Amino acid sequence: MPKEMLPIIDKPIIQFIVEALINVGIENLVFVTGRHKKAIENHFDHNVELEEHLKKVGKEKLLKEVVYIANMINPIYVRQKEQLGLGHAVLMAEPAVSKEPFIVALGDIIIDNEEEELKKMLKLFKKFGNSVVALMEVPWEEVSNYGIAKIRELDEETYIIEDLVEKPSPEDAPSNLAIVGRYAFTPTIFEKLKITKPGKGGEIQLTDAMKMLLEEEAIYAYKVKNAVYDTGTPLGYLKTVITFALRREDINGELKEFIENLLASSPHS
């Protein structure tokens, strides 16, 4: 099961991201997948047998949802045959993207009110015509988990990237502003990715290509104001599921009661 297809209650992570992109006017979606990610392709396709079954048993609400997902997008799927890092995955999309500007959205990150954040990104991209990254503040003790940006403030909401450091120690980090996993790129990034040398573990890092891009083009940034959920770790995934479940009026009452009882009866509470 690809982690992008793990459910947040009853909707896979990838669908939250796809819906946000569609809602801000993105029409063409390119999925970079691998041999273990067939479930993503199946999710955004028609399942004739399932649709017929739901129709037959009168589950109209479920049928409507299944058909909605299938009709949501006209996707393009590109295979990353080797796991050679995020930079390599982005480079695999070049034949589909060509010389157009594009957004990169990592499949394990969910952002509250993401449409609002994507609109800011697109507004900045249109204003400057240069690449834009979304940033978030993280605790200093966690900077070694992220790509960290050194920034210069242009105004209250806009920054220019001066440098990028991939997973620095807290002592070496230029700030505690981490790249969120949402980028808007000019196609020049592909040229830089092609000459980016593999780093640790033989992976081509997107951050390294962006550093080279900085030598040629400015990269702008803004801070995400809404909550960011990283589902890429077991704890992050559980926190996301519980947070979203507690917002659901149809289940939050019983869930709160269950959690309270569980904590009260736990010998370690």
C-alpha atoms as a PDB file:
ATOM      1  CA  MET A   1       0.000   0.000   0.000  1.00  0.00           C
ATOM      2  CA  PRO A   2       1.569   3.325  -1.003  1.00  0.00           C
ATOM      3  CA  LYS A   3       1.624   5.734   1.947  1.00  0.00           C
ATOM      4  CA  GLU A   4      -0.198   8.342  -0.182  1.00  0.00           C
ATOM      5  CA  MET A   5      -3.216   5.994  -0.192  1.00  0.00           C
ATOM      6  CA  LEU A   6      -3.402   5.579   3.590  1.00  0.00           C
ATOM      7  CA  PRO A   7      -6.838   6.791   4.698  1.00  0.00           C
ATOM      8  CA  ILE A   8      -7.513   9.778   6.906  1.00  0.00           C
ATOM      9  CA  ILE A   9     -10.740   8.226   8.245  1.00  0.00           C
ATOM     10  CA  ASP A  10     -12.402   7.506   4.888  1.00  0.00           C
ATOM     11  CA  LYS A  11     -10.406   9.537   2.366  1.00  0.00           C
ATOM     12  CA  PRO A  12      -6.851   8.761   1.216  1.00  0.00           C
ATOM     13  CA  ILE A  13      -4.145  11.368   1.801  1.00  0.00           C
ATOM     14  CA  ILE A  14      -3.571  11.889  -1.919  1.00  0.00           C
ATOM     15  CA  GLN A  15      -7.209  12.893  -2.467  1.00  0.00           C
ATOM     16  CA  PHE A  16      -6.950  15.842  -0.051  1.00  0.00           C
ATOM     17  CA  ILE A  17      -4.035  17.143  -2.124  1.00  0.00           C
ATOM     18  CA  VAL A  18      -5.677  16.535  -5.500  1.00  0.00           C
ATOM     19  CA  GLU A  19      -8.895  18.286  -4.431  1.00  0.00           C
ATOM     20  CA  ALA A  20      -6.945  21.351  -3.259  1.00  0.00           C
ATOM     21  CA  LEU A  21      -5.043  21.576  -6.553  1.00  0.00           C
ATOM     22  CA  ILE A  22      -8.231  21.253  -8.595  1.00  0.00           C
ATOM     23  CA  ASN A  23      -9.938  23.929  -6.501  1.00  0.00           C
ATOM     24  CA  VAL A  24      -7.252  26.502  -7.385  1.00  0.00           C
ATOM     25  CA  GLY A  25      -7.528  25.806 -11.103  1.00  0.00           C
ATOM     26  CA  ILE A  26      -4.784  23.235 -11.733  1.00  0.00           C
ATOM     27  CA  GLU A  27      -6.051  21.201 -14.685  1.00  0.00           C
ATOM     28  CA  ASN A  28      -3.271  18.719 -15.469  1.00  0.00           C
ATOM     29  CA  LEU A  29      -1.918  16.449 -12.762  1.00  0.00           C
ATOM     30  CA  VAL A  30       1.200  14.346 -13.236  1.00  0.00           C
ATOM     31  CA  PHE A  31       1.683  11.545 -10.705  1.00  0.00           C
ATOM     32  CA  VAL A  32       5.206  10.187 -10.314  1.00  0.00           C
ATOM     33  CA  THR A  33       4.641   6.612  -9.206  1.00  0.00           C
ATOM     34  CA  GLY A  34       6.488   3.328  -8.856  1.00  0.00           C
ATOM     35  CA  ARG A  35       5.675  -0.354  -9.194  1.00  0.00           C
ATOM     36  CA  HIS A  36       4.127  -0.474  -5.706  1.00  0.00           C
ATOM     37  CA  LYS A  37       1.785   2.468  -6.350  1.00  0.00           C
ATOM     38  CA  LYS A  38      -0.812   0.964  -8.676  1.00  0.00           C
ATOM     39  CA  ALA A  39      -3.451   1.726  -6.032  1.00  0.00           C
ATOM     40  CA  ILE A  40      -3.142   5.453  -6.811  1.00  0.00           C
ATOM     41  CA  GLU A  41      -3.927   4.852 -10.487  1.00  0.00           C
ATOM     42  CA  ASN A  42      -6.873   2.621  -9.577  1.00  0.00           C
ATOM     43  CA  HIS A  43      -8.270   5.164  -7.109  1.00  0.00           C
ATOM     44  CA  PHE A  44      -8.694   7.854  -9.768  1.00  0.00           C
ATOM     45  CA  ASP A  45     -10.259   5.485 -12.298  1.00  0.00           C
ATOM     46  CA  HIS A  46     -13.687   3.950 -12.828  1.00  0.00           C
ATOM     47  CA  ASN A  47     -14.379   0.639 -11.094  1.00  0.00           C
ATOM     48  CA  VAL A  48     -17.259  -0.653 -13.199  1.00  0.00           C
ATOM     49  CA  GLU A  49     -17.955  -3.707 -11.003  1.00  0.00           C
ATOM     50  CA  LEU A  50     -18.053  -1.644  -7.803  1.00  0.00           C
ATOM     51  CA  GLU A  51     -20.238   1.039  -9.382  1.00  0.00           C
ATOM     52  CA  GLU A  52     -22.714  -1.592 -10.667  1.00  0.00           C
ATOM     53  CA  HIS A  53     -22.810  -3.264  -7.245  1.00  0.00           C
ATOM     54  CA  LEU A  54     -23.465   0.005  -5.391  1.00  0.00           C
ATOM     55  CA  LYS A  55     -26.194   0.871  -7.874  1.00  0.00           C
ATOM     56  CA  LYS A  56     -27.794  -2.548  -7.448  1.00  0.00           C
ATOM     57  CA  VAL A  57     -27.859  -2.420  -3.626  1.00  0.00           C
ATOM     58  CA  GLY A  58     -29.108   1.188  -3.595  1.00  0.00           C
ATOM     59  CA  LYS A  59     -26.062   2.797  -1.963  1.00  0.00           C
ATOM     60  CA  GLU A  60     -26.500   6.011  -3.908  1.00  0.00           C
ATOM     61  CA  LYS A  61     -24.342   8.192  -1.631  1.00  0.00           C
ATOM     62  CA  LEU A  62     -21.351   5.845  -1.926  1.00  0.00           C
ATOM     63  CA  LEU A  63     -21.906   5.468  -5.668  1.00  0.00           C
ATOM     64  CA  LYS A  64     -21.914   9.240  -6.092  1.00  0.00           C
ATOM     65  CA  GLU A  65     -18.617   9.499  -4.196  1.00  0.00           C
ATOM     66  CA  VAL A  66     -16.956   6.723  -6.232  1.00  0.00           C
ATOM     67  CA  VAL A  67     -18.021   8.293  -9.547  1.00  0.00           C
ATOM     68  CA  TYR A  68     -16.939  11.754  -8.355  1.00  0.00           C
ATOM     69  CA  ILE A  69     -13.419  10.469  -7.610  1.00  0.00           C
ATOM     70  CA  ALA A  70     -13.172   8.726 -10.994  1.00  0.00           C
ATOM     71  CA  ASN A  71     -14.231  11.873 -12.848  1.00  0.00           C
ATOM     72  CA  MET A  72     -12.158  14.231 -10.714  1.00  0.00           C
ATOM     73  CA  ILE A  73      -9.102  14.430 -12.958  1.00  0.00           C
ATOM     74  CA  ASN A  74      -7.592  13.258 -16.206  1.00  0.00           C
ATOM     75  CA  PRO A  75      -4.272  12.084 -14.775  1.00  0.00           C
ATOM     76  CA  ILE A  76      -0.867  11.469 -16.327  1.00  0.00           C
ATOM     77  CA  TYR A  77       1.204   8.738 -14.673  1.00  0.00           C
ATOM     78  CA  VAL A  78       4.998   8.670 -14.889  1.00  0.00           C
ATOM     79  CA  ARG A  79       7.066   5.811 -13.469  1.00  0.00           C
ATOM     80  CA  GLN A  80      10.111   6.388 -11.297  1.00  0.00           C
ATOM     81  CA  LYS A  81      11.824   3.051 -11.864  1.00  0.00           C
ATOM     82  CA  GLU A  82      14.493   3.617  -9.214  1.00  0.00           C
ATOM     83  CA  GLN A  83      14.101   5.305  -5.830  1.00  0.00           C
ATOM     84  CA  LEU A  84      16.790   7.936  -6.381  1.00  0.00           C
ATOM     85  CA  GLY A  85      15.340  10.778  -4.341  1.00  0.00           C
ATOM     86  CA  LEU A  86      12.866  13.623  -4.623  1.00  0.00           C
ATOM     87  CA  GLY A  87      14.942  15.498  -7.198  1.00  0.00           C
ATOM     88  CA  HIS A  88      14.995  12.435  -9.431  1.00  0.00           C
ATOM     89  CA  ALA A  89      11.212  12.004  -9.032  1.00  0.00           C
ATOM     90  CA  VAL A  90      10.623  15.608 -10.151  1.00  0.00           C
ATOM     91  CA  LEU A  91      12.961  15.126 -13.111  1.00  0.00           C
ATOM     92  CA  MET A  92      10.927  12.084 -14.221  1.00  0.00           C
ATOM     93  CA  ALA A  93       7.981  14.433 -14.823  1.00  0.00           C
ATOM     94  CA  GLU A  94       9.850  16.584 -17.373  1.00  0.00           C
ATOM     95  CA  PRO A  95       8.484  14.826 -20.526  1.00  0.00           C
ATOM     96  CA  ALA A  96       4.919  15.484 -19.316  1.00  0.00           C
ATOM     97  CA  VAL A  97       5.540  19.017 -18.027  1.00  0.00           C
ATOM     98  CA  SER A  98       7.826  20.163 -20.868  1.00  0.00           C
ATOM     99  CA  LYS A  99       8.640  23.881 -20.680  1.00  0.00           C
ATOM    100  CA  GLU A 100       5.658  24.918 -18.568  1.00  0.00           C
ATOM    101  CA  PRO A 101       5.850  26.238 -14.992  1.00  0.00           C
ATOM    102  CA  PHE A 102       4.495  23.684 -12.518  1.00  0.00           C
ATOM    103  CA  ILE A 103       3.670  22.940  -8.890  1.00  0.00           C
ATOM    104  CA  VAL A 104       5.254  20.110  -6.897  1.00  0.00           C
ATOM    105  CA  ALA A 105       3.061  18.763  -4.087  1.00  0.00           C
ATOM    106  CA  LEU A 106       4.494  15.977  -1.937  1.00  0.00           C
ATOM    107  CA  GLY A 107       2.012  13.148  -1.455  1.00  0.00           C
ATOM    108  CA  ASP A 108       2.408  12.720   2.305  1.00  0.00           C
ATOM    109  CA  ILE A 109       1.731  16.328   3.381  1.00  0.00           C
ATOM    110  CA  ILE A 110      -1.761  17.690   4.117  1.00  0.00           C
ATOM    111  CA  ILE A 111      -2.329  21.406   4.817  1.00  0.00           C
ATOM    112  CA  ASP A 112      -5.445  22.876   6.411  1.00  0.00           C
ATOM    113  CA  ASN A 113      -7.268  25.251   4.038  1.00  0.00           C
ATOM    114  CA  GLU A 114      -4.706  24.331   1.400  1.00  0.00           C
ATOM    115  CA  GLU A 115      -6.506  26.258  -1.327  1.00  0.00           C
ATOM    116  CA  GLU A 116      -5.733  29.466   0.597  1.00  0.00           C
ATOM    117  CA  GLU A 117      -2.020  28.583   0.756  1.00  0.00           C
ATOM    118  CA  LEU A 118      -1.836  27.537  -2.905  1.00  0.00           C
ATOM    119  CA  LYS A 119      -3.503  30.792  -3.966  1.00  0.00           C
ATOM    120  CA  LYS A 120      -0.727  32.716  -2.162  1.00  0.00           C
ATOM    121  CA  MET A 121       1.875  30.636  -3.987  1.00  0.00           C
ATOM    122  CA  LEU A 122       0.284  31.202  -7.396  1.00  0.00           C
ATOM    123  CA  LYS A 123      -0.129  34.931  -6.699  1.00  0.00           C
ATOM    124  CA  LEU A 124       3.585  35.265  -5.908  1.00  0.00           C
ATOM    125  CA  PHE A 125       4.533  33.201  -8.946  1.00  0.00           C
ATOM    126  CA  LYS A 126       2.453  35.432 -11.219  1.00  0.00           C
ATOM    127  CA  LYS A 127       3.866  38.570  -9.593  1.00  0.00           C
ATOM    128  CA  PHE A 128       7.570  37.665  -9.895  1.00  0.00           C
ATOM    129  CA  GLY A 129       7.613  34.975 -12.606  1.00  0.00           C
ATOM    130  CA  ASN A 130      10.090  32.996 -10.506  1.00  0.00           C
ATOM    131  CA  SER A 131      10.012  29.838  -8.425  1.00  0.00           C
ATOM    132  CA  VAL A 132       8.223  30.001  -5.060  1.00  0.00           C
ATOM    133  CA  VAL A 133       8.413  27.716  -2.011  1.00  0.00           C
ATOM    134  CA  ALA A 134       6.127  27.392   0.999  1.00  0.00           C
ATOM    135  CA  LEU A 135       7.815  27.516   4.412  1.00  0.00           C
ATOM    136  CA  MET A 136       6.727  26.707   7.946  1.00  0.00           C
ATOM    137  CA  GLU A 137       8.299  27.345  11.337  1.00  0.00           C
ATOM    138  CA  VAL A 138       9.429  24.178  13.112  1.00  0.00           C
ATOM    139  CA  PRO A 139      10.924  23.661  16.592  1.00  0.00           C
ATOM    140  CA  TRP A 140      14.711  24.140  16.509  1.00  0.00           C
ATOM    141  CA  GLU A 141      15.252  20.586  17.749  1.00  0.00           C
ATOM    142  CA  GLU A 142      13.452  19.300  14.623  1.00  0.00           C
ATOM    143  CA  VAL A 143      15.337  21.260  11.922  1.00  0.00           C
ATOM    144  CA  SER A 144      17.478  18.203  11.112  1.00  0.00           C
ATOM    145  CA  ASN A 145      14.347  16.542   9.658  1.00  0.00           C
ATOM    146  CA  TYR A 146      13.801  19.176   6.959  1.00  0.00           C
ATOM    147  CA  GLY A 147      15.269  21.283   4.201  1.00  0.00           C
ATOM    148  CA  ILE A 148      15.878  24.646   5.900  1.00  0.00           C
ATOM    149  CA  ALA A 149      15.866  28.074   4.257  1.00  0.00           C
ATOM    150  CA  LYS A 150      17.965  31.153   4.888  1.00  0.00           C
ATOM    151  CA  ILE A 151      15.723  34.082   3.964  1.00  0.00           C
ATOM    152  CA  ARG A 152      15.653  37.843   3.505  1.00  0.00           C
ATOM    153  CA  GLU A 153      12.353  39.622   4.137  1.00  0.00           C
ATOM    154  CA  LEU A 154      10.909  41.671   1.282  1.00  0.00           C
ATOM    155  CA  ASP A 155       7.677  42.589   3.053  1.00  0.00           C
ATOM    156  CA  GLU A 156       5.498  41.186   5.829  1.00  0.00           C
ATOM    157  CA  GLU A 157       4.403  38.191   3.763  1.00  0.00           C
ATOM    158  CA  THR A 158       7.131  37.723   1.143  1.00  0.00           C
ATOM    159  CA  TYR A 159      10.703  36.505   1.446  1.00  0.00           C
ATOM    160  CA  ILE A 160      13.574  35.817  -0.904  1.00  0.00           C
ATOM    161  CA  ILE A 161      15.632  32.663  -0.435  1.00  0.00           C
ATOM    162  CA  GLU A 162      19.339  33.288   0.127  1.00  0.00           C
ATOM    163  CA  ASP A 163      20.416  29.710   0.811  1.00  0.00           C
ATOM    164  CA  LEU A 164      19.028  26.217   1.446  1.00  0.00           C
ATOM    165  CA  VAL A 165      20.458  23.537   3.724  1.00  0.00           C
ATOM    166  CA  GLU A 166      19.228  19.945   3.655  1.00  0.00           C
ATOM    167  CA  LYS A 167      18.647  18.509   7.167  1.00  0.00           C
ATOM    168  CA  PRO A 168      21.168  20.632   9.109  1.00  0.00           C
ATOM    169  CA  SER A 169      21.971  20.237  12.799  1.00  0.00           C
ATOM    170  CA  PRO A 170      20.348  22.904  15.023  1.00  0.00           C
ATOM    171  CA  GLU A 171      23.797  24.512  15.400  1.00  0.00           C
ATOM    172  CA  ASP A 172      24.286  24.794  11.629  1.00  0.00           C
ATOM    173  CA  ALA A 173      20.722  25.724  10.634  1.00  0.00           C
ATOM    174  CA  PRO A 174      20.370  29.265   9.216  1.00  0.00           C
ATOM    175  CA  SER A 175      16.782  29.461  10.541  1.00  0.00           C
ATOM    176  CA  ASN A 176      13.941  27.251  11.738  1.00  0.00           C
ATOM    177  CA  LEU A 177      11.964  27.782   8.518  1.00  0.00           C
ATOM    178  CA  ALA A 178      11.411  24.442   6.817  1.00  0.00           C
ATOM    179  CA  ILE A 179      10.241  23.727   3.274  1.00  0.00           C
ATOM    180  CA  VAL A 180       6.688  22.420   3.559  1.00  0.00           C
ATOM    181  CA  GLY A 181       6.551  20.192   0.468  1.00  0.00           C
ATOM    182  CA  ARG A 182       4.802  22.661  -1.849  1.00  0.00           C
ATOM    183  CA  TYR A 183       6.801  24.351  -4.603  1.00  0.00           C
ATOM    184  CA  ALA A 184       6.039  26.326  -7.765  1.00  0.00           C
ATOM    185  CA  PHE A 185       8.894  25.992 -10.255  1.00  0.00           C
ATOM    186  CA  THR A 186      10.016  27.503 -13.511  1.00  0.00           C
ATOM    187  CA  PRO A 187      11.067  24.755 -15.949  1.00  0.00           C
ATOM    188  CA  THR A 188      14.706  25.833 -15.421  1.00  0.00           C
ATOM    189  CA  ILE A 189      14.742  23.504 -12.403  1.00  0.00           C
ATOM    190  CA  PHE A 190      14.880  20.544 -14.818  1.00  0.00           C
ATOM    191  CA  GLU A 191      18.184  21.807 -16.258  1.00  0.00           C
ATOM    192  CA  LYS A 192      19.626  21.976 -12.749  1.00  0.00           C
ATOM    193  CA  LEU A 193      18.313  18.542 -11.768  1.00  0.00           C
ATOM    194  CA  LYS A 194      20.059  17.011 -14.792  1.00  0.00           C
ATOM    195  CA  ILE A 195      23.435  18.172 -13.498  1.00  0.00           C
ATOM    196  CA  THR A 196      22.801  17.609  -9.784  1.00  0.00           C
ATOM    197  CA  LYS A 197      25.205  15.029  -8.414  1.00  0.00           C
ATOM    198  CA  PRO A 198      23.766  12.288  -6.179  1.00  0.00           C
ATOM    199  CA  GLY A 199      24.257  12.955  -2.485  1.00  0.00           C
ATOM    200  CA  LYS A 200      23.857  10.776   0.575  1.00  0.00           C
ATOM    201  CA  GLY A 201      22.450   7.341  -0.265  1.00  0.00           C
ATOM    202  CA  GLY A 202      22.923   7.982  -3.983  1.00  0.00           C
ATOM    203  CA  GLU A 203      19.839  10.235  -4.069  1.00  0.00           C
ATOM    204  CA  ILE A 204      19.406  13.369  -6.168  1.00  0.00           C
ATOM    205  CA  GLN A 205      18.235  16.050  -3.763  1.00  0.00           C
ATOM    206  CA  LEU A 206      15.786  18.686  -4.954  1.00  0.00           C
ATOM    207  CA  THR A 207      17.372  21.111  -2.472  1.00  0.00           C
ATOM    208  CA  ASP A 208      20.757  20.784  -4.219  1.00  0.00           C
ATOM    209  CA  ALA A 209      19.193  21.622  -7.595  1.00  0.00           C
ATOM    210  CA  MET A 210      17.412  24.602  -6.031  1.00  0.00           C
ATOM    211  CA  LYS A 211      20.722  25.890  -4.695  1.00  0.00           C
ATOM    212  CA  MET A 212      22.075  25.843  -8.247  1.00  0.00           C
ATOM    213  CA  LEU A 213      18.898  27.549  -9.473  1.00  0.00           C
ATOM    214  CA  LEU A 214      19.576  30.346  -6.963  1.00  0.00           C
ATOM    215  CA  GLU A 215      22.771  31.191  -8.852  1.00  0.00           C
ATOM    216  CA  GLU A 216      20.672  31.973 -11.926  1.00  0.00           C
ATOM    217  CA  GLU A 217      17.202  32.943 -10.703  1.00  0.00           C
ATOM    218  CA  ALA A 218      15.680  34.344  -7.536  1.00  0.00           C
ATOM    219  CA  ILE A 219      13.478  31.988  -5.503  1.00  0.00           C
ATOM    220  CA  TYR A 220      10.717  33.556  -3.427  1.00  0.00           C
ATOM    221  CA  ALA A 221       8.972  32.192  -0.338  1.00  0.00           C
ATOM    222  CA  TYR A 222       6.103  32.735   2.043  1.00  0.00           C
ATOM    223  CA  LYS A 223       5.125  31.293   5.422  1.00  0.00           C
ATOM    224  CA  VAL A 224       2.192  28.901   5.596  1.00  0.00           C
ATOM    225  CA  LYS A 225      -0.269  30.136   8.211  1.00  0.00           C
ATOM    226  CA  ASN A 226      -2.457  27.032   8.342  1.00  0.00           C
ATOM    227  CA  ALA A 227      -1.608  23.781  10.137  1.00  0.00           C
ATOM    228  CA  VAL A 228       0.611  21.295   8.292  1.00  0.00           C
ATOM    229  CA  TYR A 229       0.274  17.533   8.799  1.00  0.00           C
ATOM    230  CA  ASP A 230       3.200  15.272   7.908  1.00  0.00           C
ATOM    231  CA  THR A 231       1.788  11.771   7.462  1.00  0.00           C
ATOM    232  CA  GLY A 232       5.127  10.299   6.397  1.00  0.00           C
ATOM    233  CA  THR A 233       5.928   8.828   9.831  1.00  0.00           C
ATOM    234  CA  PRO A 234       3.775   6.485  11.963  1.00  0.00           C
ATOM    235  CA  LEU A 235       3.379   9.105  14.712  1.00  0.00           C
ATOM    236  CA  GLY A 236       2.659  11.900  12.229  1.00  0.00           C
ATOM    237  CA  TYR A 237       0.049   9.749  10.519  1.00  0.00           C
ATOM    238  CA  LEU A 238      -1.672   8.857  13.817  1.00  0.00           C
ATOM    239  CA  LYS A 239      -1.728  12.505  14.919  1.00  0.00           C
ATOM    240  CA  THR A 240      -3.325  13.471  11.604  1.00  0.00           C
ATOM    241  CA  VAL A 241      -6.004  10.770  11.804  1.00  0.00           C
ATOM    242  CA  ILE A 242      -6.914  11.692  15.397  1.00  0.00           C
ATOM    243  CA  THR A 243      -6.987  15.444  14.628  1.00  0.00           C
ATOM    244  CA  PHE A 244      -9.277  14.977  11.617  1.00  0.00           C
ATOM    245  CA  ALA A 245     -11.466  12.455  13.480  1.00  0.00           C
ATOM    246  CA  LEU A 246     -12.016  14.899  16.354  1.00  0.00           C
ATOM    247  CA  ARG A 247     -13.396  17.407  13.819  1.00  0.00           C
ATOM    248  CA  ARG A 248     -15.993  14.973  12.528  1.00  0.00           C
ATOM    249  CA  GLU A 249     -19.333  15.533  14.218  1.00  0.00           C
ATOM    250  CA  ASP A 250     -20.519  12.025  13.323  1.00  0.00           C
ATOM    251  CA  ILE A 251     -17.734  10.331  15.305  1.00  0.00           C
ATOM    252  CA  ASN A 252     -15.975  12.834  17.575  1.00  0.00           C
ATOM    253  CA  GLY A 253     -18.279  12.357  20.597  1.00  0.00           C
ATOM    254  CA  GLU A 254     -17.666   8.623  20.934  1.00  0.00           C
ATOM    255  CA  LEU A 255     -14.007   9.038  20.019  1.00  0.00           C
ATOM    256  CA  LYS A 256     -13.395  11.618  22.792  1.00  0.00           C
ATOM    257  CA  GLU A 257     -15.120   9.339  25.281  1.00  0.00           C
ATOM    258  CA  PHE A 258     -13.025   6.383  24.106  1.00  0.00           C
ATOM    259  CA  ILE A 259      -9.751   8.349  24.401  1.00  0.00           C
ATOM    260  CA  GLU A 260     -10.665   9.669  27.866  1.00  0.00           C
ATOM    261  CA  ASN A 261     -11.540   6.162  29.089  1.00  0.00           C
ATOM    262  CA  LEU A 262      -8.402   4.727  27.538  1.00  0.00           C
ATOM    263  CA  LEU A 263      -6.178   7.328  29.215  1.00  0.00           C
ATOM    264  CA  ALA A 264      -7.957   6.920  32.546  1.00  0.00           C
ATOM    265  CA  SER A 265      -7.494   3.141  32.525  1.00  0.00           C
ATOM    266  CA  SER A 266      -3.929   3.174  31.191  1.00  0.00           C
ATOM    267  CA  PRO A 267      -1.323   2.206  33.806  1.00  0.00           C
ATOM    268  CA  HIS A 268       1.081   4.724  32.246  1.00  0.00           C
ATOM    269  CA  SER A 269      -1.343   7.695  32.239  1.00  0.00           C
END
